[in-house]
Amino acid sequence: MFGILSAGIAPGLALISYFYLRDQYQQEPILNVFKVFMFGAILTFPVMFMQYVIIEEDFINNGFLNSFISAAFLEEFFKWFILFLAIYKHADFDEPYDGIVYGAAISLGFATMENILYLVSYGIKFAFGRALLPVSSHALFGVLMGYYLGKAKFNIGGKNIIWLVSSFFVPFILHGFYDSILVLGKRWLFYMVPFMLCLWYISLRKVKHAHILTRKHNEEGTAF
């Protein structure tokens, strides 16, 4: 059991550490990041219950539609809702890059709990594949969610509403495509590899741009 717990927690811990330590200015209080991480972990249970009901009641019998509604919409909406409700107006959310830290934290809390439950059910032999795909994809969806929340929070370009809407819809659509690939059968790997490479590329570019926005934000703040 210790091995399963370690394998379940390690990828999420490594990824949140990576995004947290890339904060080049005022790093967020670790307790705040941990709380958001735990919000994501607790969120796993009500979301999984709703997904179970949808499957058992056969509300959606199309695999691709189920990918977007049961998986992508439910998971991304509730993660976004908690971030918006608990973090968006928080005083410690004081730089554009902070959105990425909190977005990654809530997504990785969710992914880590989901990962542990999966490994307990199916075995540690799936740990490596789970780390490469579900855990890292959740992290990157969270990065994109947080990136746009950061732009909305600081009204970058005067497009507050556009960025706020994007903070939900961008990860939702990408998550839907990710889960759609998984229902393709034997062909899924041929599509998943380029999808994940593109997702990493886009997300890391957003991380880089968030650093630029944060630097400008701090320079403007010290100019007065």
C-alpha atoms as a PDB file:
ATOM      1  CA  MET A   1       0.000   0.000   0.000  1.00  0.00           C
ATOM      2  CA  PHE A   2       2.876   2.383   0.778  1.00  0.00           C
ATOM      3  CA  GLY A   3       4.253   1.796  -2.716  1.00  0.00           C
ATOM      4  CA  ILE A   4       0.887   2.569  -4.308  1.00  0.00           C
ATOM      5  CA  LEU A   5       0.464   5.739  -2.254  1.00  0.00           C
ATOM      6  CA  SER A   6       3.980   6.877  -3.130  1.00  0.00           C
ATOM      7  CA  ALA A   7       3.454   6.173  -6.835  1.00  0.00           C
ATOM      8  CA  GLY A   8       0.097   7.936  -6.709  1.00  0.00           C
ATOM      9  CA  ILE A   9       1.367  11.067  -4.978  1.00  0.00           C
ATOM     10  CA  ALA A  10       4.833  11.471  -6.531  1.00  0.00           C
ATOM     11  CA  PRO A  11       3.861  12.754 -10.023  1.00  0.00           C
ATOM     12  CA  GLY A  12       1.494  15.393  -8.649  1.00  0.00           C
ATOM     13  CA  LEU A  13       3.997  16.497  -6.027  1.00  0.00           C
ATOM     14  CA  ALA A  14       6.771  16.766  -8.626  1.00  0.00           C
ATOM     15  CA  LEU A  15       4.652  18.822 -11.018  1.00  0.00           C
ATOM     16  CA  ILE A  16       3.266  21.233  -8.425  1.00  0.00           C
ATOM     17  CA  SER A  17       6.818  21.729  -7.099  1.00  0.00           C
ATOM     18  CA  TYR A  18       7.993  22.528 -10.620  1.00  0.00           C
ATOM     19  CA  PHE A  19       5.356  25.184 -11.265  1.00  0.00           C
ATOM     20  CA  TYR A  20       5.640  26.584  -7.728  1.00  0.00           C
ATOM     21  CA  LEU A  21       9.419  26.958  -7.903  1.00  0.00           C
ATOM     22  CA  ARG A  22       9.196  28.688 -11.285  1.00  0.00           C
ATOM     23  CA  ASP A  23       7.537  31.657  -9.569  1.00  0.00           C
ATOM     24  CA  GLN A  24      10.396  34.135  -9.918  1.00  0.00           C
ATOM     25  CA  TYR A  25       8.978  36.896  -7.743  1.00  0.00           C
ATOM     26  CA  GLN A  26       6.786  36.602  -4.638  1.00  0.00           C
ATOM     27  CA  GLN A  27       6.110  32.900  -4.177  1.00  0.00           C
ATOM     28  CA  GLU A  28       2.690  32.029  -2.823  1.00  0.00           C
ATOM     29  CA  PRO A  29       2.319  30.953   0.824  1.00  0.00           C
ATOM     30  CA  ILE A  30       2.798  27.190   0.857  1.00  0.00           C
ATOM     31  CA  LEU A  31      -0.223  26.777   3.145  1.00  0.00           C
ATOM     32  CA  ASN A  32      -2.458  28.472   0.556  1.00  0.00           C
ATOM     33  CA  VAL A  33      -1.165  26.226  -2.216  1.00  0.00           C
ATOM     34  CA  PHE A  34      -1.650  23.153  -0.020  1.00  0.00           C
ATOM     35  CA  LYS A  35      -5.237  24.194   0.778  1.00  0.00           C
ATOM     36  CA  VAL A  36      -6.040  24.581  -2.908  1.00  0.00           C
ATOM     37  CA  PHE A  37      -4.402  21.218  -3.604  1.00  0.00           C
ATOM     38  CA  MET A  38      -6.618  19.629  -0.944  1.00  0.00           C
ATOM     39  CA  PHE A  39      -9.715  21.340  -2.374  1.00  0.00           C
ATOM     40  CA  GLY A  40      -8.916  19.580  -5.637  1.00  0.00           C
ATOM     41  CA  ALA A  41      -8.408  16.247  -3.882  1.00  0.00           C
ATOM     42  CA  ILE A  42     -11.737  16.493  -2.015  1.00  0.00           C
ATOM     43  CA  LEU A  43     -13.493  17.582  -5.206  1.00  0.00           C
ATOM     44  CA  THR A  44     -12.664  14.190  -6.725  1.00  0.00           C
ATOM     45  CA  PHE A  45     -15.364  12.414  -4.717  1.00  0.00           C
ATOM     46  CA  PRO A  46     -18.482  14.440  -5.640  1.00  0.00           C
ATOM     47  CA  VAL A  47     -17.363  14.616  -9.273  1.00  0.00           C
ATOM     48  CA  MET A  48     -16.779  10.856  -9.433  1.00  0.00           C
ATOM     49  CA  PHE A  49     -20.195  10.301  -7.862  1.00  0.00           C
ATOM     50  CA  MET A  50     -21.875  12.465 -10.513  1.00  0.00           C
ATOM     51  CA  GLN A  51     -19.967  10.636 -13.247  1.00  0.00           C
ATOM     52  CA  TYR A  52     -21.042   7.300 -11.767  1.00  0.00           C
ATOM     53  CA  VAL A  53     -24.705   8.365 -11.803  1.00  0.00           C
ATOM     54  CA  ILE A  54     -24.435   9.535 -15.423  1.00  0.00           C
ATOM     55  CA  ILE A  55     -22.975   6.166 -16.440  1.00  0.00           C
ATOM     56  CA  GLU A  56     -25.361   4.031 -14.410  1.00  0.00           C
ATOM     57  CA  GLU A  57     -28.454   5.932 -15.547  1.00  0.00           C
ATOM     58  CA  ASP A  58     -27.192   5.919 -19.129  1.00  0.00           C
ATOM     59  CA  PHE A  59     -27.862   9.638 -19.532  1.00  0.00           C
ATOM     60  CA  ILE A  60     -25.194   9.883 -22.260  1.00  0.00           C
ATOM     61  CA  ASN A  61     -24.679   6.884 -24.517  1.00  0.00           C
ATOM     62  CA  ASN A  62     -22.283   8.501 -26.987  1.00  0.00           C
ATOM     63  CA  GLY A  63     -18.599   8.079 -26.144  1.00  0.00           C
ATOM     64  CA  PHE A  64     -17.452  11.391 -27.600  1.00  0.00           C
ATOM     65  CA  LEU A  65     -20.292  13.357 -26.021  1.00  0.00           C
ATOM     66  CA  ASN A  66     -19.572  11.645 -22.710  1.00  0.00           C
ATOM     67  CA  SER A  67     -15.929  12.751 -23.014  1.00  0.00           C
ATOM     68  CA  PHE A  68     -16.971  16.391 -23.144  1.00  0.00           C
ATOM     69  CA  ILE A  69     -19.873  16.356 -20.674  1.00  0.00           C
ATOM     70  CA  SER A  70     -19.238  13.683 -18.034  1.00  0.00           C
ATOM     71  CA  ALA A  71     -15.468  14.054 -17.927  1.00  0.00           C
ATOM     72  CA  ALA A  72     -14.323  17.432 -19.230  1.00  0.00           C
ATOM     73  CA  PHE A  73     -17.233  19.676 -18.279  1.00  0.00           C
ATOM     74  CA  LEU A  74     -17.809  18.350 -14.761  1.00  0.00           C
ATOM     75  CA  GLU A  75     -14.141  18.233 -13.807  1.00  0.00           C
ATOM     76  CA  GLU A  76     -13.076  21.558 -15.288  1.00  0.00           C
ATOM     77  CA  PHE A  77     -16.181  23.472 -14.228  1.00  0.00           C
ATOM     78  CA  PHE A  78     -15.913  22.551 -10.549  1.00  0.00           C
ATOM     79  CA  LYS A  79     -12.174  23.207 -10.479  1.00  0.00           C
ATOM     80  CA  TRP A  80     -12.781  26.596 -12.122  1.00  0.00           C
ATOM     81  CA  PHE A  81     -15.679  27.371  -9.784  1.00  0.00           C
ATOM     82  CA  ILE A  82     -13.605  26.725  -6.645  1.00  0.00           C
ATOM     83  CA  LEU A  83     -10.721  28.828  -7.959  1.00  0.00           C
ATOM     84  CA  PHE A  84     -13.060  31.660  -8.841  1.00  0.00           C
ATOM     85  CA  LEU A  85     -14.917  31.472  -5.543  1.00  0.00           C
ATOM     86  CA  ALA A  86     -12.006  30.968  -3.141  1.00  0.00           C
ATOM     87  CA  ILE A  87      -8.890  32.311  -4.874  1.00  0.00           C
ATOM     88  CA  TYR A  88      -9.722  34.828  -7.593  1.00  0.00           C
ATOM     89  CA  LYS A  89     -10.274  37.738  -5.195  1.00  0.00           C
ATOM     90  CA  HIS A  90      -7.815  36.519  -2.551  1.00  0.00           C
ATOM     91  CA  ALA A  91      -5.223  39.086  -1.469  1.00  0.00           C
ATOM     92  CA  ASP A  92      -2.359  36.653  -2.066  1.00  0.00           C
ATOM     93  CA  PHE A  93      -3.343  36.351  -5.725  1.00  0.00           C
ATOM     94  CA  ASP A  94      -1.331  39.478  -6.455  1.00  0.00           C
ATOM     95  CA  GLU A  95       0.588  38.607  -9.643  1.00  0.00           C
ATOM     96  CA  PRO A  96      -0.451  37.129 -13.018  1.00  0.00           C
ATOM     97  CA  TYR A  97       1.772  34.053 -12.533  1.00  0.00           C
ATOM     98  CA  ASP A  98      -0.028  33.204  -9.268  1.00  0.00           C
ATOM     99  CA  GLY A  99      -2.983  31.966 -11.306  1.00  0.00           C
ATOM    100  CA  ILE A 100      -0.792  29.243 -12.782  1.00  0.00           C
ATOM    101  CA  VAL A 101       0.333  28.088  -9.329  1.00  0.00           C
ATOM    102  CA  TYR A 102      -3.234  27.870  -8.020  1.00  0.00           C
ATOM    103  CA  GLY A 103      -4.602  26.381 -11.247  1.00  0.00           C
ATOM    104  CA  ALA A 104      -1.953  23.675 -11.224  1.00  0.00           C
ATOM    105  CA  ALA A 105      -2.510  23.060  -7.496  1.00  0.00           C
ATOM    106  CA  ILE A 106      -6.255  22.402  -7.712  1.00  0.00           C
ATOM    107  CA  SER A 107      -5.882  20.287 -10.849  1.00  0.00           C
ATOM    108  CA  LEU A 108      -3.066  18.241  -9.369  1.00  0.00           C
ATOM    109  CA  GLY A 109      -4.993  17.725  -6.136  1.00  0.00           C
ATOM    110  CA  PHE A 110      -7.804  16.261  -8.217  1.00  0.00           C
ATOM    111  CA  ALA A 111      -5.432  14.238 -10.403  1.00  0.00           C
ATOM    112  CA  THR A 112      -3.475  12.896  -7.424  1.00  0.00           C
ATOM    113  CA  MET A 113      -6.546  11.605  -5.591  1.00  0.00           C
ATOM    114  CA  GLU A 114      -7.906  10.132  -8.828  1.00  0.00           C
ATOM    115  CA  ASN A 115      -4.514   8.530  -9.452  1.00  0.00           C
ATOM    116  CA  ILE A 116      -4.352   6.951  -5.992  1.00  0.00           C
ATOM    117  CA  LEU A 117      -7.851   5.506  -6.332  1.00  0.00           C
ATOM    118  CA  TYR A 118      -7.018   4.112  -9.768  1.00  0.00           C
ATOM    119  CA  LEU A 119      -3.765   2.482  -8.619  1.00  0.00           C
ATOM    120  CA  VAL A 120      -5.472   0.979  -5.574  1.00  0.00           C
ATOM    121  CA  SER A 121      -8.069  -0.583  -7.875  1.00  0.00           C
ATOM    122  CA  TYR A 122      -5.875  -1.696 -10.791  1.00  0.00           C
ATOM    123  CA  GLY A 123      -2.327  -1.938  -9.477  1.00  0.00           C
ATOM    124  CA  ILE A 124       0.960  -0.096  -9.431  1.00  0.00           C
ATOM    125  CA  LYS A 125       1.874  -1.400 -12.906  1.00  0.00           C
ATOM    126  CA  PHE A 126      -0.137   1.506 -14.368  1.00  0.00           C
ATOM    127  CA  ALA A 127       1.748   4.158 -12.381  1.00  0.00           C
ATOM    128  CA  PHE A 128       4.127   5.260 -15.143  1.00  0.00           C
ATOM    129  CA  GLY A 129       1.427   5.605 -17.803  1.00  0.00           C
ATOM    130  CA  ARG A 130      -0.839   7.448 -15.380  1.00  0.00           C
ATOM    131  CA  ALA A 131       1.948   9.908 -14.557  1.00  0.00           C
ATOM    132  CA  LEU A 132       2.620  10.614 -18.246  1.00  0.00           C
ATOM    133  CA  LEU A 133      -0.991  11.075 -19.301  1.00  0.00           C
ATOM    134  CA  PRO A 134      -3.816  11.745 -16.786  1.00  0.00           C
ATOM    135  CA  VAL A 135      -1.734  13.450 -14.108  1.00  0.00           C
ATOM    136  CA  SER A 136       0.325  15.628 -16.436  1.00  0.00           C
ATOM    137  CA  SER A 137      -2.679  16.515 -18.629  1.00  0.00           C
ATOM    138  CA  HIS A 138      -4.650  17.642 -15.564  1.00  0.00           C
ATOM    139  CA  ALA A 139      -1.669  19.767 -14.535  1.00  0.00           C
ATOM    140  CA  LEU A 140      -1.505  21.418 -17.952  1.00  0.00           C
ATOM    141  CA  PHE A 141      -5.255  22.061 -18.067  1.00  0.00           C
ATOM    142  CA  GLY A 142      -4.805  23.729 -14.681  1.00  0.00           C
ATOM    143  CA  VAL A 143      -1.891  25.811 -15.975  1.00  0.00           C
ATOM    144  CA  LEU A 144      -4.046  27.129 -18.823  1.00  0.00           C
ATOM    145  CA  MET A 145      -6.966  27.780 -16.483  1.00  0.00           C
ATOM    146  CA  GLY A 146      -4.720  29.707 -14.122  1.00  0.00           C
ATOM    147  CA  TYR A 147      -2.997  31.613 -16.914  1.00  0.00           C
ATOM    148  CA  TYR A 148      -6.268  33.074 -18.156  1.00  0.00           C
ATOM    149  CA  LEU A 149      -7.506  33.688 -14.607  1.00  0.00           C
ATOM    150  CA  GLY A 150      -4.343  35.682 -14.019  1.00  0.00           C
ATOM    151  CA  LYS A 151      -4.973  37.754 -17.139  1.00  0.00           C
ATOM    152  CA  ALA A 152      -8.576  38.324 -16.042  1.00  0.00           C
ATOM    153  CA  LYS A 153      -7.604  39.242 -12.480  1.00  0.00           C
ATOM    154  CA  PHE A 154      -5.270  41.991 -13.680  1.00  0.00           C
ATOM    155  CA  ASN A 155      -7.443  42.956 -16.678  1.00  0.00           C
ATOM    156  CA  ILE A 156      -4.636  42.430 -19.177  1.00  0.00           C
ATOM    157  CA  GLY A 157      -5.429  44.327 -22.361  1.00  0.00           C
ATOM    158  CA  GLY A 158      -8.772  45.447 -20.933  1.00  0.00           C
ATOM    159  CA  LYS A 159     -10.338  42.070 -21.794  1.00  0.00           C
ATOM    160  CA  ASN A 160     -11.339  40.913 -18.321  1.00  0.00           C
ATOM    161  CA  ILE A 161     -14.502  39.052 -19.397  1.00  0.00           C
ATOM    162  CA  ILE A 162     -12.832  37.376 -22.387  1.00  0.00           C
ATOM    163  CA  TRP A 163     -10.005  36.048 -20.198  1.00  0.00           C
ATOM    164  CA  LEU A 164     -12.430  34.918 -17.503  1.00  0.00           C
ATOM    165  CA  VAL A 165     -14.511  32.965 -20.020  1.00  0.00           C
ATOM    166  CA  SER A 166     -11.335  31.553 -21.588  1.00  0.00           C
ATOM    167  CA  SER A 167     -10.133  30.352 -18.174  1.00  0.00           C
ATOM    168  CA  PHE A 168     -12.948  27.807 -18.225  1.00  0.00           C
ATOM    169  CA  PHE A 169     -13.534  27.094 -21.909  1.00  0.00           C
ATOM    170  CA  VAL A 170      -9.912  26.561 -23.005  1.00  0.00           C
ATOM    171  CA  PRO A 171      -9.193  23.739 -20.490  1.00  0.00           C
ATOM    172  CA  PHE A 172     -12.720  22.369 -20.957  1.00  0.00           C
ATOM    173  CA  ILE A 173     -12.349  22.020 -24.748  1.00  0.00           C
ATOM    174  CA  LEU A 174      -8.825  20.602 -24.535  1.00  0.00           C
ATOM    175  CA  HIS A 175      -9.884  18.161 -21.814  1.00  0.00           C
ATOM    176  CA  GLY A 176     -12.793  17.080 -24.007  1.00  0.00           C
ATOM    177  CA  PHE A 177     -10.469  16.359 -26.919  1.00  0.00           C
ATOM    178  CA  TYR A 178      -8.090  14.491 -24.596  1.00  0.00           C
ATOM    179  CA  ASP A 179     -10.842  12.159 -23.395  1.00  0.00           C
ATOM    180  CA  SER A 180     -12.215  11.801 -26.930  1.00  0.00           C
ATOM    181  CA  ILE A 181      -8.849  10.436 -28.041  1.00  0.00           C
ATOM    182  CA  LEU A 182      -9.060   7.752 -25.362  1.00  0.00           C
ATOM    183  CA  VAL A 183     -12.275   6.312 -26.861  1.00  0.00           C
ATOM    184  CA  LEU A 184     -10.740   5.834 -30.324  1.00  0.00           C
ATOM    185  CA  GLY A 185      -9.731   2.260 -29.555  1.00  0.00           C
ATOM    186  CA  LYS A 186      -6.411   0.925 -30.862  1.00  0.00           C
ATOM    187  CA  ARG A 187      -5.626   4.166 -32.711  1.00  0.00           C
ATOM    188  CA  TRP A 188      -5.627   6.370 -29.614  1.00  0.00           C
ATOM    189  CA  LEU A 189      -1.851   6.419 -29.088  1.00  0.00           C
ATOM    190  CA  PHE A 190      -1.177   7.822 -32.573  1.00  0.00           C
ATOM    191  CA  TYR A 191      -3.273  10.868 -31.694  1.00  0.00           C
ATOM    192  CA  MET A 192      -2.366  11.147 -28.027  1.00  0.00           C
ATOM    193  CA  VAL A 193       1.377  11.615 -28.509  1.00  0.00           C
ATOM    194  CA  PRO A 194       1.114  14.721 -30.751  1.00  0.00           C
ATOM    195  CA  PHE A 195      -1.749  16.040 -28.623  1.00  0.00           C
ATOM    196  CA  MET A 196       0.315  15.841 -25.428  1.00  0.00           C
ATOM    197  CA  LEU A 197       3.387  17.336 -27.100  1.00  0.00           C
ATOM    198  CA  CYS A 198       1.286  20.269 -28.327  1.00  0.00           C
ATOM    199  CA  LEU A 199      -0.326  20.629 -24.890  1.00  0.00           C
ATOM    200  CA  TRP A 200       3.073  20.791 -23.192  1.00  0.00           C
ATOM    201  CA  TYR A 201       4.355  23.278 -25.767  1.00  0.00           C
ATOM    202  CA  ILE A 202       1.342  25.579 -25.437  1.00  0.00           C
ATOM    203  CA  SER A 203       1.321  25.380 -21.644  1.00  0.00           C
ATOM    204  CA  LEU A 204       5.023  26.123 -21.235  1.00  0.00           C
ATOM    205  CA  ARG A 205       4.677  29.109 -23.573  1.00  0.00           C
ATOM    206  CA  LYS A 206       1.857  30.378 -21.345  1.00  0.00           C
ATOM    207  CA  VAL A 207       4.093  29.903 -18.305  1.00  0.00           C
ATOM    208  CA  LYS A 208       6.788  31.956 -20.003  1.00  0.00           C
ATOM    209  CA  HIS A 209       4.317  34.670 -20.957  1.00  0.00           C
ATOM    210  CA  ALA A 210       2.900  34.739 -17.412  1.00  0.00           C
ATOM    211  CA  HIS A 211       6.435  35.481 -16.183  1.00  0.00           C
ATOM    212  CA  ILE A 212       6.636  38.414 -18.603  1.00  0.00           C
ATOM    213  CA  LEU A 213       3.265  39.751 -17.440  1.00  0.00           C
ATOM    214  CA  THR A 214       4.333  39.360 -13.810  1.00  0.00           C
ATOM    215  CA  ARG A 215       7.586  41.202 -14.403  1.00  0.00           C
ATOM    216  CA  LYS A 216       5.724  44.073 -16.056  1.00  0.00           C
ATOM    217  CA  HIS A 217       3.190  44.074 -13.230  1.00  0.00           C
ATOM    218  CA  ASN A 218       5.975  44.369 -10.624  1.00  0.00           C
ATOM    219  CA  GLU A 219       7.821  47.040 -12.604  1.00  0.00           C
ATOM    220  CA  GLU A 220       4.658  49.118 -12.886  1.00  0.00           C
ATOM    221  CA  GLY A 221       4.041  48.660  -9.176  1.00  0.00           C
ATOM    222  CA  THR A 222       7.474  49.944  -8.214  1.00  0.00           C
ATOM    223  CA  ALA A 223       7.255  52.887 -10.599  1.00  0.00           C
ATOM    224  CA  PHE A 224       4.916  54.802  -8.240  1.00  0.00           C
END
